[in-house]
Amino acid sequence: MAAISCPQCGADLTQPQSVRVAEYHFGRLDPSGETGGPGFAYRLEQPDTYTILCSSCKRLVRTLPLEKKG
C-alpha cells in the first residue's frame, strides 16, 4: 500500500500530527435592539465543509463535505 503524501511538499500524511483538520464557523451579524449591548447579535450558520491541511507546508490537502445529521 502506498503512503498518502501531500501534493505540494510530498510529506507523509500517515505520520502522527502530520495533518490538521479545520472546520470553519460561518455566520452573520444581525442588528439588535438591545440597549446596553454592542448593537448586534451573531447568528451562527452550520458549515457544509471542512478542510485537511498539511502540518509541514501549511497548505490545503483536501476539502471534504460534512455529513448532516438529523
N, C-alpha and C. Protein backbone atom coordinates (compact mmCIF):
# COMPACT_ATOMS: atom_id res chain seq x y z
N MET A 1 0.84 -1.18 0.00
CA MET A 1 0.00 0.00 0.00
C MET A 1 0.89 1.24 0.00
N ALA A 2 0.61 2.16 -0.87
CA ALA A 2 1.39 3.39 -0.99
C ALA A 2 1.01 4.36 0.13
N ALA A 3 2.00 5.10 0.60
CA ALA A 3 1.75 6.09 1.64
C ALA A 3 1.01 7.29 1.05
N ILE A 4 0.15 7.88 1.84
CA ILE A 4 -0.56 9.08 1.43
C ILE A 4 0.38 10.25 1.66
N SER A 5 0.57 11.06 0.62
CA SER A 5 1.52 12.17 0.74
C SER A 5 0.87 13.49 0.33
N CYS A 6 1.47 14.56 0.80
CA CYS A 6 1.00 15.91 0.49
C CYS A 6 1.28 16.20 -0.99
N PRO A 7 0.30 16.71 -1.74
CA PRO A 7 0.53 17.01 -3.15
C PRO A 7 1.50 18.18 -3.38
N GLN A 8 1.69 19.05 -2.37
CA GLN A 8 2.58 20.20 -2.55
C GLN A 8 4.02 19.90 -2.15
N CYS A 9 4.22 19.37 -0.92
CA CYS A 9 5.60 19.18 -0.43
C CYS A 9 6.03 17.73 -0.38
N GLY A 10 5.11 16.78 -0.55
CA GLY A 10 5.46 15.36 -0.56
C GLY A 10 5.59 14.73 0.81
N ALA A 11 5.21 15.42 1.88
CA ALA A 11 5.31 14.88 3.24
C ALA A 11 4.37 13.70 3.42
N ASP A 12 4.79 12.72 4.22
CA ASP A 12 3.97 11.55 4.52
C ASP A 12 2.86 11.94 5.47
N LEU A 13 1.62 11.87 5.03
CA LEU A 13 0.47 12.30 5.83
C LEU A 13 -0.08 11.21 6.73
N THR A 14 0.56 10.03 6.74
CA THR A 14 0.12 8.95 7.63
C THR A 14 0.82 9.01 8.97
N GLN A 15 1.80 9.89 9.14
CA GLN A 15 2.52 10.03 10.39
C GLN A 15 1.68 10.79 11.42
N PRO A 16 1.91 10.56 12.72
CA PRO A 16 1.17 11.30 13.75
C PRO A 16 1.40 12.81 13.62
N GLN A 17 0.35 13.56 13.81
CA GLN A 17 0.34 15.02 13.77
C GLN A 17 0.84 15.60 12.45
N SER A 18 0.60 14.89 11.35
CA SER A 18 1.04 15.37 10.05
C SER A 18 -0.03 16.20 9.34
N VAL A 19 -1.28 16.13 9.81
CA VAL A 19 -2.35 16.92 9.21
C VAL A 19 -3.13 17.66 10.29
N ARG A 20 -3.79 18.74 9.88
CA ARG A 20 -4.69 19.49 10.74
C ARG A 20 -6.05 19.51 10.08
N VAL A 21 -7.09 19.29 10.85
CA VAL A 21 -8.45 19.34 10.34
C VAL A 21 -9.04 20.66 10.81
N ALA A 22 -9.51 21.45 9.86
CA ALA A 22 -10.05 22.77 10.17
C ALA A 22 -11.52 22.81 9.77
N GLU A 23 -12.36 23.12 10.75
CA GLU A 23 -13.77 23.33 10.48
C GLU A 23 -14.05 24.81 10.68
N TYR A 24 -14.55 25.44 9.67
CA TYR A 24 -14.79 26.88 9.73
C TYR A 24 -16.20 27.16 10.20
N HIS A 25 -16.35 28.14 11.06
CA HIS A 25 -17.65 28.55 11.55
C HIS A 25 -18.07 29.83 10.85
N PHE A 26 -19.15 29.74 10.11
CA PHE A 26 -19.66 30.89 9.37
C PHE A 26 -20.88 31.44 10.09
N GLY A 27 -21.14 32.69 9.88
CA GLY A 27 -22.30 33.31 10.48
C GLY A 27 -22.53 34.69 9.91
N ARG A 28 -23.38 35.43 10.58
CA ARG A 28 -23.67 36.78 10.13
C ARG A 28 -24.00 37.63 11.35
N LEU A 29 -23.88 38.92 11.20
CA LEU A 29 -24.25 39.86 12.24
C LEU A 29 -25.62 40.46 11.91
N ASP A 30 -26.51 40.39 12.88
CA ASP A 30 -27.84 40.98 12.74
C ASP A 30 -27.96 42.16 13.70
N PRO A 31 -28.63 43.23 13.28
CA PRO A 31 -28.84 44.35 14.20
C PRO A 31 -29.67 43.89 15.41
N SER A 32 -29.31 44.39 16.55
CA SER A 32 -30.02 44.02 17.78
C SER A 32 -30.61 45.28 18.41
N GLY A 33 -31.84 45.17 18.91
CA GLY A 33 -32.50 46.31 19.52
C GLY A 33 -32.20 46.44 21.00
N GLU A 34 -31.30 45.59 21.53
CA GLU A 34 -31.00 45.64 22.96
C GLU A 34 -30.22 46.90 23.31
N THR A 35 -30.59 47.51 24.42
CA THR A 35 -29.83 48.66 24.89
C THR A 35 -28.75 48.17 25.85
N GLY A 36 -27.61 48.79 25.80
CA GLY A 36 -26.51 48.40 26.65
C GLY A 36 -25.64 47.30 26.07
N GLY A 37 -26.04 46.76 24.92
CA GLY A 37 -25.24 45.73 24.27
C GLY A 37 -24.41 46.33 23.15
N PRO A 38 -23.76 45.48 22.37
CA PRO A 38 -22.93 46.00 21.29
C PRO A 38 -23.72 46.53 20.10
N GLY A 39 -25.02 46.27 20.05
CA GLY A 39 -25.84 46.75 18.94
C GLY A 39 -26.01 45.73 17.83
N PHE A 40 -25.46 44.54 18.01
CA PHE A 40 -25.61 43.48 17.02
C PHE A 40 -25.62 42.13 17.72
N ALA A 41 -26.13 41.12 17.02
CA ALA A 41 -26.13 39.75 17.52
C ALA A 41 -25.52 38.86 16.44
N TYR A 42 -24.70 37.90 16.84
CA TYR A 42 -24.05 36.98 15.91
C TYR A 42 -24.92 35.74 15.74
N ARG A 43 -25.23 35.39 14.51
CA ARG A 43 -26.03 34.21 14.20
C ARG A 43 -25.12 33.18 13.54
N LEU A 44 -24.89 32.06 14.23
CA LEU A 44 -24.03 31.00 13.72
C LEU A 44 -24.76 30.19 12.66
N GLU A 45 -24.07 29.91 11.56
CA GLU A 45 -24.62 29.06 10.50
C GLU A 45 -23.78 27.80 10.41
N GLN A 46 -24.40 26.68 10.12
CA GLN A 46 -23.71 25.41 10.05
C GLN A 46 -22.85 25.33 8.78
N PRO A 47 -21.53 25.10 8.91
CA PRO A 47 -20.70 24.96 7.73
C PRO A 47 -21.02 23.65 7.01
N ASP A 48 -20.73 23.58 5.72
CA ASP A 48 -21.01 22.36 4.97
C ASP A 48 -19.73 21.63 4.55
N THR A 49 -18.57 22.19 4.86
CA THR A 49 -17.31 21.52 4.53
C THR A 49 -16.29 21.70 5.65
N TYR A 50 -15.29 20.84 5.64
CA TYR A 50 -14.12 21.03 6.48
C TYR A 50 -12.89 20.77 5.63
N THR A 51 -11.73 21.23 6.06
CA THR A 51 -10.53 21.10 5.26
C THR A 51 -9.46 20.32 6.01
N ILE A 52 -8.60 19.67 5.24
CA ILE A 52 -7.44 18.96 5.79
C ILE A 52 -6.22 19.71 5.30
N LEU A 53 -5.37 20.15 6.26
CA LEU A 53 -4.17 20.93 5.96
C LEU A 53 -2.93 20.13 6.32
N CYS A 54 -1.89 20.25 5.51
CA CYS A 54 -0.60 19.62 5.78
C CYS A 54 0.11 20.41 6.88
N SER A 55 0.60 19.73 7.91
CA SER A 55 1.29 20.41 9.01
C SER A 55 2.68 20.89 8.60
N SER A 56 3.29 20.27 7.61
CA SER A 56 4.64 20.67 7.19
C SER A 56 4.64 21.97 6.41
N CYS A 57 3.81 22.05 5.36
CA CYS A 57 3.83 23.23 4.50
C CYS A 57 2.64 24.16 4.74
N LYS A 58 1.70 23.75 5.62
CA LYS A 58 0.52 24.56 5.98
C LYS A 58 -0.38 24.85 4.78
N ARG A 59 -0.40 23.94 3.82
CA ARG A 59 -1.24 24.16 2.64
C ARG A 59 -2.40 23.18 2.61
N LEU A 60 -3.41 23.52 1.83
CA LEU A 60 -4.62 22.72 1.71
C LEU A 60 -4.32 21.39 1.03
N VAL A 61 -4.77 20.30 1.66
CA VAL A 61 -4.63 18.97 1.05
C VAL A 61 -5.94 18.58 0.39
N ARG A 62 -7.06 18.77 1.11
CA ARG A 62 -8.36 18.38 0.56
C ARG A 62 -9.48 19.06 1.33
N THR A 63 -10.58 19.32 0.65
CA THR A 63 -11.81 19.83 1.27
C THR A 63 -12.84 18.72 1.17
N LEU A 64 -13.46 18.39 2.31
CA LEU A 64 -14.44 17.31 2.35
C LEU A 64 -15.77 17.82 2.90
N PRO A 65 -16.88 17.23 2.45
CA PRO A 65 -18.19 17.67 2.95
C PRO A 65 -18.46 17.15 4.35
N LEU A 66 -19.15 17.94 5.15
CA LEU A 66 -19.64 17.48 6.45
C LEU A 66 -20.95 16.76 6.22
N GLU A 67 -21.17 15.68 6.93
CA GLU A 67 -22.44 14.97 6.82
C GLU A 67 -23.44 15.59 7.77
N LYS A 68 -24.60 15.90 7.25
CA LYS A 68 -25.68 16.49 8.07
C LYS A 68 -26.37 15.36 8.83
N LYS A 69 -26.54 15.54 10.13
CA LYS A 69 -27.26 14.56 10.94
C LYS A 69 -28.60 15.13 11.33
N GLY A 70 -29.60 14.31 11.23
CA GLY A 70 -30.92 14.74 11.68
C GLY A 70 -31.84 15.09 10.62
